[in-house]
Protein backbone atom coordinates (compact mmCIF):
# COMPACT_ATOMS: atom_id res chain seq x y z
CA UNK A 1 59.89 -9.43 58.30
CA UNK A 2 58.94 -8.75 61.90
CA UNK A 3 56.74 -11.25 63.75
CA UNK A 4 53.92 -8.70 63.79
CA UNK A 5 53.99 -8.40 59.99
CA UNK A 6 54.16 -12.18 59.67
CA UNK A 7 51.03 -12.46 61.82
CA UNK A 8 49.39 -9.77 59.68
CA UNK A 9 50.07 -11.83 56.56
CA UNK A 10 48.59 -14.89 58.26
CA UNK A 11 45.56 -12.84 59.32
CA UNK A 12 45.08 -11.82 55.69
CA UNK A 13 45.20 -15.47 54.64
CA UNK A 14 42.73 -16.28 57.40
CA UNK A 15 40.36 -13.72 55.90
CA UNK A 16 40.60 -15.62 52.62
CA UNK A 17 39.78 -18.89 54.38
CA UNK A 18 36.84 -17.22 56.11
CA UNK A 19 35.60 -15.99 52.74
CA UNK A 20 35.44 -19.59 51.52
CA UNK A 21 33.79 -20.75 54.76
CA UNK A 22 31.12 -18.11 54.21
CA UNK A 23 30.79 -18.16 50.42
CA UNK A 24 30.34 -21.89 49.90
CA UNK A 25 27.27 -22.30 52.14
CA UNK A 26 25.93 -18.88 51.12
CA UNK A 27 26.09 -19.82 47.43
CA UNK A 28 24.39 -23.12 48.20
CA UNK A 29 21.66 -21.36 50.21
CA UNK A 30 20.99 -18.46 47.83
CA UNK A 31 21.54 -20.26 44.54
CA UNK A 32 23.61 -19.25 41.53
CA UNK A 33 20.81 -17.16 40.05
CA UNK A 34 21.19 -14.69 42.91
CA UNK A 35 24.90 -14.99 43.68
CA UNK A 36 25.92 -14.43 40.05
CA UNK A 37 23.49 -11.54 39.59
CA UNK A 38 24.11 -7.84 40.13
CA UNK A 39 22.18 -8.23 43.42
CA UNK A 40 19.91 -5.28 42.71
CA UNK A 41 17.25 -6.85 44.92
CA UNK A 42 17.19 -8.74 48.17
CA UNK A 43 17.58 -12.52 47.82
CA UNK A 44 14.37 -14.53 47.58
CA UNK A 45 15.87 -17.12 49.94
CA UNK A 46 17.51 -16.62 53.32
CA UNK A 47 20.89 -17.79 54.48
CA UNK A 48 20.93 -20.84 56.69
CA UNK A 49 21.84 -20.17 60.33
CA UNK A 50 25.38 -21.52 59.73
CA UNK A 51 25.93 -19.45 56.57
CA UNK A 52 24.61 -16.37 58.38
CA UNK A 53 27.01 -16.97 61.25
CA UNK A 54 29.92 -17.44 58.85
CA UNK A 55 29.02 -14.17 57.12
CA UNK A 56 28.92 -12.32 60.44
CA UNK A 57 32.24 -13.89 61.53
CA UNK A 58 33.75 -12.91 58.16
CA UNK A 59 32.50 -9.33 58.51
CA UNK A 60 33.71 -9.20 62.11
CA UNK A 61 37.21 -10.18 61.05
CA UNK A 62 37.28 -7.29 58.57
CA UNK A 63 36.43 -4.98 61.46
CA UNK A 64 39.14 -6.52 63.65
CA UNK A 65 41.70 -6.57 60.86
CA UNK A 66 41.26 -2.88 60.14
CA UNK A 67 42.37 -2.18 63.72
CA UNK A 68 45.15 -4.77 63.80
CA UNK A 69 46.82 -4.00 60.46
CA UNK A 70 47.88 -0.39 61.13
CA UNK A 71 49.38 -1.14 64.52
CA UNK A 72 51.25 -4.19 63.23
CA UNK A 73 52.75 -1.94 60.55
CA UNK A 74 53.55 0.87 63.01
CA UNK A 75 55.24 -1.53 65.45
CA UNK A 76 57.30 -2.97 62.60
CA UNK A 77 58.26 0.30 60.90
CA UNK A 78 59.28 1.98 64.15
CA UNK A 79 61.41 -0.93 65.32
CA UNK A 80 59.30 -1.49 68.43
CA UNK A 81 58.89 -5.23 68.03
CA UNK A 82 59.42 -6.97 71.38
CA UNK A 83 58.50 -10.26 72.98
CA UNK A 84 55.37 -8.56 74.29
CA UNK A 85 54.25 -7.15 70.96
CA UNK A 86 54.93 -10.49 69.29
CA UNK A 87 52.89 -12.25 71.97
CA UNK A 88 49.99 -9.83 71.55
CA UNK A 89 50.06 -10.27 67.77
CA UNK A 90 49.90 -14.06 68.13
CA UNK A 91 47.13 -13.73 70.71
CA UNK A 92 45.17 -11.64 68.21
CA UNK A 93 45.57 -14.31 65.54
CA UNK A 94 44.76 -17.20 67.89
CA UNK A 95 41.61 -15.41 69.01
CA UNK A 96 40.56 -14.79 65.41
CA UNK A 97 41.08 -18.45 64.51
CA UNK A 98 39.12 -19.63 67.56
CA UNK A 99 36.38 -17.09 66.85
CA UNK A 100 35.35 -18.96 63.69
CA UNK A 101 34.24 -22.24 65.31
CA UNK A 102 32.98 -20.33 68.36
CA UNK A 103 30.65 -18.28 66.17
CA UNK A 104 29.69 -21.24 63.97
CA UNK A 105 28.75 -23.37 66.97
CA UNK A 106 27.13 -20.52 68.89
CA UNK A 107 29.40 -20.86 71.92
CA UNK A 108 27.95 -18.47 74.48
CA UNK A 109 29.51 -16.68 76.29
CA UNK A 110 32.83 -18.05 75.02
CA UNK A 111 32.55 -16.40 71.62
CA UNK A 112 32.43 -13.01 73.32
CA UNK A 113 35.41 -13.83 75.54
CA UNK A 114 37.40 -14.96 72.51
CA UNK A 115 36.49 -11.72 70.72
CA UNK A 116 37.56 -9.72 73.79
CA UNK A 117 40.94 -11.49 73.87
CA UNK A 118 41.64 -10.44 70.27
CA UNK A 119 40.46 -6.89 70.91
CA UNK A 120 42.55 -6.66 74.10
CA UNK A 121 45.63 -7.89 72.22
CA UNK A 122 45.12 -5.27 69.52
CA UNK A 123 44.63 -2.44 72.02
CA UNK A 124 47.70 -3.63 73.96
CA UNK A 125 49.72 -3.21 70.76
CA UNK A 126 48.51 0.39 70.47
CA UNK A 127 49.54 1.06 74.07
CA UNK A 128 52.91 -0.63 73.51
CA UNK A 129 53.55 1.66 70.54
CA UNK A 130 53.05 4.71 72.77
CA UNK A 131 55.33 3.57 75.56
């Protein structure tokens, strides 16, 4: 397994961790009556600020992961794994890990800088695949 695919697997596990970090407070906030329902209506209660942030961080990682996954696979399948691509893959994962507490704690402007680091790392992988 290439380092890029290894990081992709870890990023998938991180998404699972983020699901728990979001689901536990969301279930507590919304109650089992809503969370176990078909959700045909809007909840009668709102998410707490922390649960809302964890939901947005969770959703944001899906958006980031959908960009990272294909290029990690392309780099691996085409034999283009290098020290640079490995470094960019790890930078992506480090940024995604740091993004969780940054979003939860409302670190401004650091949350945006952390997000940009992960996005830059992903785009650098796309450029590396073309060179």
